[in-house]
Amino acid sequence: MDELFEAARWAASANNEQPWQYVYAHRGTPAFEQLWNCLKPWSTHDVGMANAQLMLQAAQRDIYGHMMAGFDASQTAELLELSEEQRPVCMIALGYLGEADQLEEPYKTRELTPRNRLSITEFTRQL
């Protein structure tokens, strides 16, 4: 499990906040049964999975992506003339990697500063 959570630990996170928490249970335990009984379909999860696959394919082609959830959803829905059933979830910028020296501050410093993340125990707990 630690190897899997380590991968999640390094996922893109706005301002490096890592706002997620994983709660897990092992099959055959009462906690697993409780979680199992909570399952229902959820469209934003599906969008997230589709975006993850898009980002993986882009990386395969040396295309870098930046996913953003910080945008005005109402303004975007109006601009795109979305129906009542449609809801914007994120925006994605895609492009090719340049040199850090081409960036203006504070982006240059952000790019060159070593990255760090919360420890796995800070965002996981076993039920």
N, C-alpha and C. Protein backbone atom coordinates (compact mmCIF):
# COMPACT_ATOMS: atom_id res chain seq x y z
N MET A 1 0.82 -1.19 0.00
CA MET A 1 0.00 0.00 0.00
C MET A 1 0.87 1.26 0.00
N ASP A 2 1.98 1.22 0.71
CA ASP A 2 2.84 2.40 0.76
C ASP A 2 3.33 2.81 -0.62
N GLU A 3 3.64 1.84 -1.46
CA GLU A 3 4.10 2.15 -2.82
C GLU A 3 3.01 2.86 -3.61
N LEU A 4 1.77 2.41 -3.46
CA LEU A 4 0.65 3.04 -4.15
C LEU A 4 0.40 4.45 -3.61
N PHE A 5 0.43 4.59 -2.29
CA PHE A 5 0.22 5.90 -1.70
C PHE A 5 1.37 6.85 -2.02
N GLU A 6 2.56 6.32 -2.20
CA GLU A 6 3.70 7.15 -2.58
C GLU A 6 3.46 7.78 -3.95
N ALA A 7 2.86 7.02 -4.86
CA ALA A 7 2.52 7.57 -6.19
C ALA A 7 1.51 8.70 -6.05
N ALA A 8 0.50 8.51 -5.21
CA ALA A 8 -0.51 9.55 -4.98
C ALA A 8 0.11 10.77 -4.32
N ARG A 9 1.07 10.52 -3.48
CA ARG A 9 1.75 11.61 -2.75
C ARG A 9 2.36 12.63 -3.70
N TRP A 10 2.83 12.17 -4.85
CA TRP A 10 3.51 13.05 -5.79
C TRP A 10 2.61 13.54 -6.92
N ALA A 11 1.30 13.30 -6.81
CA ALA A 11 0.37 13.79 -7.82
C ALA A 11 0.31 15.31 -7.79
N ALA A 12 -0.11 15.89 -8.89
CA ALA A 12 -0.25 17.35 -8.96
C ALA A 12 -1.15 17.85 -7.85
N SER A 13 -0.76 18.96 -7.24
CA SER A 13 -1.52 19.52 -6.12
C SER A 13 -1.36 21.04 -6.15
N ALA A 14 -2.47 21.75 -6.28
CA ALA A 14 -2.43 23.21 -6.33
C ALA A 14 -1.75 23.75 -5.08
N ASN A 15 -0.75 24.59 -5.28
CA ASN A 15 0.03 25.18 -4.20
C ASN A 15 0.64 24.13 -3.28
N ASN A 16 0.80 22.92 -3.77
CA ASN A 16 1.39 21.83 -3.01
C ASN A 16 0.65 21.56 -1.70
N GLU A 17 -0.67 21.77 -1.70
CA GLU A 17 -1.45 21.61 -0.48
C GLU A 17 -1.84 20.17 -0.20
N GLN A 18 -1.88 19.32 -1.22
CA GLN A 18 -2.27 17.92 -1.05
C GLN A 18 -3.52 17.80 -0.17
N PRO A 19 -4.65 18.31 -0.62
CA PRO A 19 -5.84 18.36 0.23
C PRO A 19 -6.57 17.02 0.37
N TRP A 20 -6.02 15.97 -0.17
CA TRP A 20 -6.70 14.68 -0.14
C TRP A 20 -6.37 13.90 1.11
N GLN A 21 -7.24 12.94 1.38
CA GLN A 21 -6.96 11.94 2.41
C GLN A 21 -7.53 10.62 1.93
N TYR A 22 -6.75 9.58 2.02
CA TYR A 22 -7.19 8.24 1.67
C TYR A 22 -7.55 7.49 2.94
N VAL A 23 -8.73 6.89 2.93
CA VAL A 23 -9.15 6.01 4.01
C VAL A 23 -9.30 4.64 3.38
N TYR A 24 -8.70 3.63 3.97
CA TYR A 24 -8.72 2.31 3.34
C TYR A 24 -9.07 1.25 4.37
N ALA A 25 -9.53 0.12 3.84
CA ALA A 25 -9.85 -1.04 4.68
C ALA A 25 -9.52 -2.28 3.88
N HIS A 26 -9.18 -3.34 4.57
CA HIS A 26 -8.84 -4.59 3.90
C HIS A 26 -10.06 -5.48 3.76
N ARG A 27 -10.15 -6.16 2.61
CA ARG A 27 -11.24 -7.09 2.35
C ARG A 27 -11.34 -8.11 3.49
N GLY A 28 -12.57 -8.42 3.84
CA GLY A 28 -12.78 -9.39 4.90
C GLY A 28 -12.92 -8.76 6.29
N THR A 29 -12.81 -7.44 6.36
CA THR A 29 -12.97 -6.76 7.64
C THR A 29 -14.32 -6.06 7.67
N PRO A 30 -14.87 -5.81 8.84
CA PRO A 30 -16.13 -5.06 8.93
C PRO A 30 -16.02 -3.68 8.28
N ALA A 31 -14.87 -3.04 8.42
CA ALA A 31 -14.67 -1.73 7.81
C ALA A 31 -14.80 -1.80 6.30
N PHE A 32 -14.26 -2.86 5.69
CA PHE A 32 -14.37 -3.03 4.24
C PHE A 32 -15.85 -3.12 3.84
N GLU A 33 -16.62 -3.91 4.56
CA GLU A 33 -18.04 -4.07 4.27
C GLU A 33 -18.77 -2.74 4.40
N GLN A 34 -18.43 -1.95 5.40
CA GLN A 34 -19.06 -0.64 5.57
C GLN A 34 -18.77 0.27 4.38
N LEU A 35 -17.53 0.31 3.95
CA LEU A 35 -17.18 1.12 2.79
C LEU A 35 -17.84 0.59 1.52
N TRP A 36 -17.86 -0.71 1.36
CA TRP A 36 -18.48 -1.34 0.19
C TRP A 36 -19.94 -0.91 0.05
N ASN A 37 -20.64 -0.84 1.17
CA ASN A 37 -22.06 -0.49 1.16
C ASN A 37 -22.31 0.99 0.85
N CYS A 38 -21.27 1.78 0.79
CA CYS A 38 -21.41 3.21 0.47
C CYS A 38 -21.26 3.51 -1.02
N LEU A 39 -20.88 2.53 -1.84
CA LEU A 39 -20.55 2.78 -3.24
C LEU A 39 -21.76 3.18 -4.08
N LYS A 40 -21.55 4.21 -4.91
CA LYS A 40 -22.52 4.67 -5.91
C LYS A 40 -21.71 5.31 -7.04
N PRO A 41 -22.27 5.40 -8.26
CA PRO A 41 -21.54 6.08 -9.36
C PRO A 41 -21.38 7.56 -9.09
N TRP A 42 -20.32 8.15 -9.64
CA TRP A 42 -20.06 9.57 -9.43
C TRP A 42 -19.32 10.13 -10.64
N SER A 43 -19.92 11.10 -11.32
CA SER A 43 -19.37 11.58 -12.58
C SER A 43 -18.06 12.35 -12.42
N THR A 44 -17.88 13.12 -11.35
CA THR A 44 -16.63 13.86 -11.22
C THR A 44 -15.45 12.91 -11.03
N HIS A 45 -15.69 11.78 -10.42
CA HIS A 45 -14.64 10.76 -10.32
C HIS A 45 -14.24 10.30 -11.72
N ASP A 46 -15.23 10.06 -12.56
CA ASP A 46 -14.96 9.61 -13.93
C ASP A 46 -14.18 10.66 -14.71
N VAL A 47 -14.51 11.93 -14.52
CA VAL A 47 -13.77 13.00 -15.18
C VAL A 47 -12.31 12.97 -14.70
N GLY A 48 -12.12 12.79 -13.40
CA GLY A 48 -10.76 12.72 -12.87
C GLY A 48 -9.97 11.58 -13.47
N MET A 49 -10.61 10.43 -13.60
CA MET A 49 -9.93 9.28 -14.21
C MET A 49 -9.60 9.56 -15.68
N ALA A 50 -10.54 10.16 -16.39
CA ALA A 50 -10.28 10.49 -17.80
C ALA A 50 -9.13 11.49 -17.90
N ASN A 51 -9.11 12.48 -17.03
CA ASN A 51 -8.02 13.46 -17.04
C ASN A 51 -6.68 12.81 -16.72
N ALA A 52 -6.67 11.87 -15.79
CA ALA A 52 -5.42 11.17 -15.46
C ALA A 52 -4.90 10.43 -16.68
N GLN A 53 -5.78 9.77 -17.41
CA GLN A 53 -5.36 9.05 -18.61
C GLN A 53 -4.86 10.01 -19.68
N LEU A 54 -5.55 11.16 -19.82
CA LEU A 54 -5.12 12.17 -20.77
C LEU A 54 -3.71 12.65 -20.42
N MET A 55 -3.46 12.91 -19.14
CA MET A 55 -2.15 13.39 -18.71
C MET A 55 -1.07 12.34 -18.92
N LEU A 56 -1.39 11.08 -18.68
CA LEU A 56 -0.42 10.01 -18.91
C LEU A 56 -0.06 9.90 -20.39
N GLN A 57 -1.07 9.99 -21.26
CA GLN A 57 -0.81 9.91 -22.70
C GLN A 57 0.00 11.12 -23.16
N ALA A 58 -0.33 12.29 -22.62
CA ALA A 58 0.44 13.49 -22.97
C ALA A 58 1.91 13.32 -22.55
N ALA A 59 2.13 12.82 -21.34
CA ALA A 59 3.51 12.61 -20.87
C ALA A 59 4.25 11.63 -21.76
N GLN A 60 3.55 10.63 -22.26
CA GLN A 60 4.16 9.67 -23.18
C GLN A 60 4.70 10.37 -24.44
N ARG A 61 4.07 11.48 -24.80
CA ARG A 61 4.46 12.24 -25.99
C ARG A 61 5.31 13.46 -25.63
N ASP A 62 5.84 13.49 -24.39
CA ASP A 62 6.64 14.61 -23.90
C ASP A 62 5.87 15.93 -23.91
N ILE A 63 4.57 15.83 -23.70
CA ILE A 63 3.71 17.01 -23.54
C ILE A 63 3.40 17.11 -22.05
N TYR A 64 3.61 18.29 -21.50
CA TYR A 64 3.40 18.50 -20.07
C TYR A 64 2.05 19.17 -19.85
N GLY A 65 1.42 18.83 -18.74
CA GLY A 65 0.10 19.37 -18.47
C GLY A 65 0.02 19.99 -17.08
N HIS A 66 -0.88 20.94 -16.96
CA HIS A 66 -1.15 21.58 -15.68
C HIS A 66 -2.67 21.65 -15.54
N MET A 67 -3.20 20.88 -14.60
CA MET A 67 -4.64 20.85 -14.37
C MET A 67 -4.99 21.89 -13.32
N MET A 68 -6.10 22.62 -13.56
CA MET A 68 -6.49 23.70 -12.65
C MET A 68 -7.98 23.60 -12.33
N ALA A 69 -8.28 23.66 -11.05
CA ALA A 69 -9.67 23.69 -10.61
C ALA A 69 -10.06 25.09 -10.14
N GLY A 70 -9.09 25.97 -10.02
CA GLY A 70 -9.35 27.33 -9.57
C GLY A 70 -9.77 28.23 -10.72
N PHE A 71 -11.04 28.21 -11.06
CA PHE A 71 -11.57 29.06 -12.12
C PHE A 71 -13.03 29.32 -11.80
N ASP A 72 -13.61 30.30 -12.48
CA ASP A 72 -15.01 30.65 -12.27
C ASP A 72 -15.89 29.72 -13.10
N ALA A 73 -16.49 28.75 -12.44
CA ALA A 73 -17.29 27.74 -13.14
C ALA A 73 -18.52 28.35 -13.81
N SER A 74 -19.17 29.32 -13.16
CA SER A 74 -20.36 29.96 -13.75
C SER A 74 -20.00 30.73 -15.01
N GLN A 75 -18.93 31.49 -14.94
CA GLN A 75 -18.48 32.27 -16.10
C GLN A 75 -18.10 31.34 -17.24
N THR A 76 -17.42 30.25 -16.91
CA THR A 76 -17.01 29.29 -17.94
C THR A 76 -18.22 28.62 -18.57
N ALA A 77 -19.19 28.21 -17.76
CA ALA A 77 -20.41 27.57 -18.28
C ALA A 77 -21.15 28.51 -19.22
N GLU A 78 -21.19 29.79 -18.85
CA GLU A 78 -21.85 30.78 -19.70
C GLU A 78 -21.09 30.97 -21.01
N LEU A 79 -19.77 31.10 -20.92
CA LEU A 79 -18.95 31.29 -22.11
C LEU A 79 -19.10 30.12 -23.08
N LEU A 80 -19.11 28.91 -22.55
CA LEU A 80 -19.19 27.71 -23.38
C LEU A 80 -20.62 27.31 -23.74
N GLU A 81 -21.58 28.08 -23.23
CA GLU A 81 -23.00 27.81 -23.47
C GLU A 81 -23.36 26.37 -23.10
N LEU A 82 -22.97 25.98 -21.88
CA LEU A 82 -23.23 24.63 -21.42
C LEU A 82 -24.70 24.48 -21.02
N SER A 83 -25.22 23.28 -21.18
CA SER A 83 -26.59 23.00 -20.79
C SER A 83 -26.68 22.88 -19.27
N GLU A 84 -27.89 22.80 -18.75
CA GLU A 84 -28.11 22.65 -17.30
C GLU A 84 -27.44 21.38 -16.76
N GLU A 85 -27.34 20.35 -17.61
CA GLU A 85 -26.77 19.07 -17.19
C GLU A 85 -25.25 19.06 -17.21
N GLN A 86 -24.64 20.05 -17.85
CA GLN A 86 -23.19 20.10 -17.97
C GLN A 86 -22.60 21.05 -16.93
N ARG A 87 -21.41 20.66 -16.42
CA ARG A 87 -20.75 21.46 -15.40
C ARG A 87 -19.24 21.41 -15.64
N PRO A 88 -18.59 22.56 -15.77
CA PRO A 88 -17.14 22.54 -15.93
C PRO A 88 -16.47 22.11 -14.63
N VAL A 89 -15.48 21.23 -14.73
CA VAL A 89 -14.83 20.67 -13.55
C VAL A 89 -13.39 21.18 -13.40
N CYS A 90 -12.69 21.31 -14.51
CA CYS A 90 -11.31 21.80 -14.45
C CYS A 90 -10.90 22.36 -15.80
N MET A 91 -9.77 23.01 -15.81
CA MET A 91 -9.14 23.45 -17.05
C MET A 91 -7.75 22.82 -17.09
N ILE A 92 -7.28 22.53 -18.29
CA ILE A 92 -5.98 21.89 -18.46
C ILE A 92 -5.16 22.68 -19.47
N ALA A 93 -3.95 23.07 -19.07
CA ALA A 93 -3.01 23.70 -20.00
C ALA A 93 -2.01 22.62 -20.41
N LEU A 94 -1.78 22.48 -21.70
CA LEU A 94 -0.83 21.50 -22.24
C LEU A 94 0.24 22.23 -23.04
N GLY A 95 1.46 21.74 -22.96
CA GLY A 95 2.53 22.35 -23.74
C GLY A 95 3.82 21.57 -23.62
N TYR A 96 4.84 22.07 -24.27
CA TYR A 96 6.14 21.43 -24.26
C TYR A 96 7.03 22.08 -23.21
N LEU A 97 7.91 21.29 -22.62
CA LEU A 97 8.79 21.76 -21.56
C LEU A 97 9.84 22.70 -22.13
N GLY A 98 10.00 23.84 -21.47
CA GLY A 98 11.03 24.79 -21.82
C GLY A 98 12.12 24.79 -20.77
N GLU A 99 12.95 25.80 -20.77
CA GLU A 99 14.02 25.94 -19.80
C GLU A 99 13.57 26.85 -18.66
N ALA A 100 13.95 26.51 -17.46
CA ALA A 100 13.57 27.29 -16.28
C ALA A 100 14.06 28.74 -16.40
N ASP A 101 15.20 28.95 -17.05
CA ASP A 101 15.74 30.30 -17.20
C ASP A 101 14.85 31.21 -18.03
N GLN A 102 13.93 30.64 -18.79
CA GLN A 102 13.01 31.44 -19.60
C GLN A 102 11.85 32.00 -18.77
N LEU A 103 11.68 31.49 -17.57
CA LEU A 103 10.55 31.89 -16.74
C LEU A 103 10.82 33.19 -15.99
N GLU A 104 9.76 33.93 -15.75
CA GLU A 104 9.85 35.11 -14.90
C GLU A 104 9.65 34.67 -13.46
N GLU A 105 10.05 35.52 -12.52
CA GLU A 105 9.79 35.24 -11.11
C GLU A 105 8.32 35.50 -10.80
N PRO A 106 7.71 34.77 -9.91
CA PRO A 106 8.28 33.79 -8.99
C PRO A 106 8.34 32.38 -9.59
N TYR A 107 7.95 32.24 -10.85
CA TYR A 107 7.85 30.91 -11.46
C TYR A 107 9.20 30.23 -11.63
N LYS A 108 10.22 31.01 -11.93
CA LYS A 108 11.56 30.44 -12.09
C LYS A 108 12.01 29.80 -10.78
N THR A 109 11.87 30.52 -9.68
CA THR A 109 12.28 29.99 -8.37
C THR A 109 11.45 28.76 -8.02
N ARG A 110 10.15 28.80 -8.27
CA ARG A 110 9.29 27.63 -7.99
C ARG A 110 9.75 26.41 -8.77
N GLU A 111 10.13 26.62 -10.01
CA GLU A 111 10.56 25.50 -10.85
C GLU A 111 11.88 24.90 -10.38
N LEU A 112 12.76 25.73 -9.87
CA LEU A 112 14.10 25.27 -9.48
C LEU A 112 14.18 24.80 -8.03
N THR A 113 13.19 25.12 -7.22
CA THR A 113 13.19 24.72 -5.81
C THR A 113 12.83 23.24 -5.70
N PRO A 114 13.59 22.48 -4.91
CA PRO A 114 13.24 21.05 -4.73
C PRO A 114 11.82 20.90 -4.20
N ARG A 115 11.12 19.93 -4.72
CA ARG A 115 9.75 19.70 -4.31
C ARG A 115 9.71 18.83 -3.06
N ASN A 116 8.69 19.05 -2.26
CA ASN A 116 8.49 18.20 -1.10
C ASN A 116 7.00 17.90 -0.98
N ARG A 117 6.69 16.89 -0.23
CA ARG A 117 5.31 16.45 -0.05
C ARG A 117 5.09 16.02 1.39
N LEU A 118 3.81 15.95 1.77
CA LEU A 118 3.45 15.40 3.07
C LEU A 118 3.89 13.95 3.13
N SER A 119 4.15 13.45 4.33
CA SER A 119 4.46 12.03 4.46
C SER A 119 3.17 11.23 4.25
N ILE A 120 3.31 9.98 3.89
CA ILE A 120 2.14 9.13 3.63
C ILE A 120 1.23 9.06 4.84
N THR A 121 1.79 9.02 6.02
CA THR A 121 0.96 8.91 7.23
C THR A 121 0.13 10.16 7.49
N GLU A 122 0.48 11.27 6.83
CA GLU A 122 -0.29 12.50 7.01
C GLU A 122 -1.54 12.55 6.14
N PHE A 123 -1.65 11.68 5.13
CA PHE A 123 -2.84 11.72 4.29
C PHE A 123 -3.50 10.36 4.10
N THR A 124 -3.16 9.40 4.91
CA THR A 124 -3.83 8.09 4.87
C THR A 124 -4.20 7.66 6.29
N ARG A 125 -5.23 6.86 6.37
CA ARG A 125 -5.56 6.21 7.64
C ARG A 125 -6.35 4.96 7.35
N GLN A 126 -6.10 3.98 8.15
CA GLN A 126 -6.81 2.70 7.99
C GLN A 126 -8.05 2.74 8.86
N LEU A 127 -9.16 2.37 8.28
CA LEU A 127 -10.43 2.33 9.00
C LEU A 127 -10.53 1.08 9.83
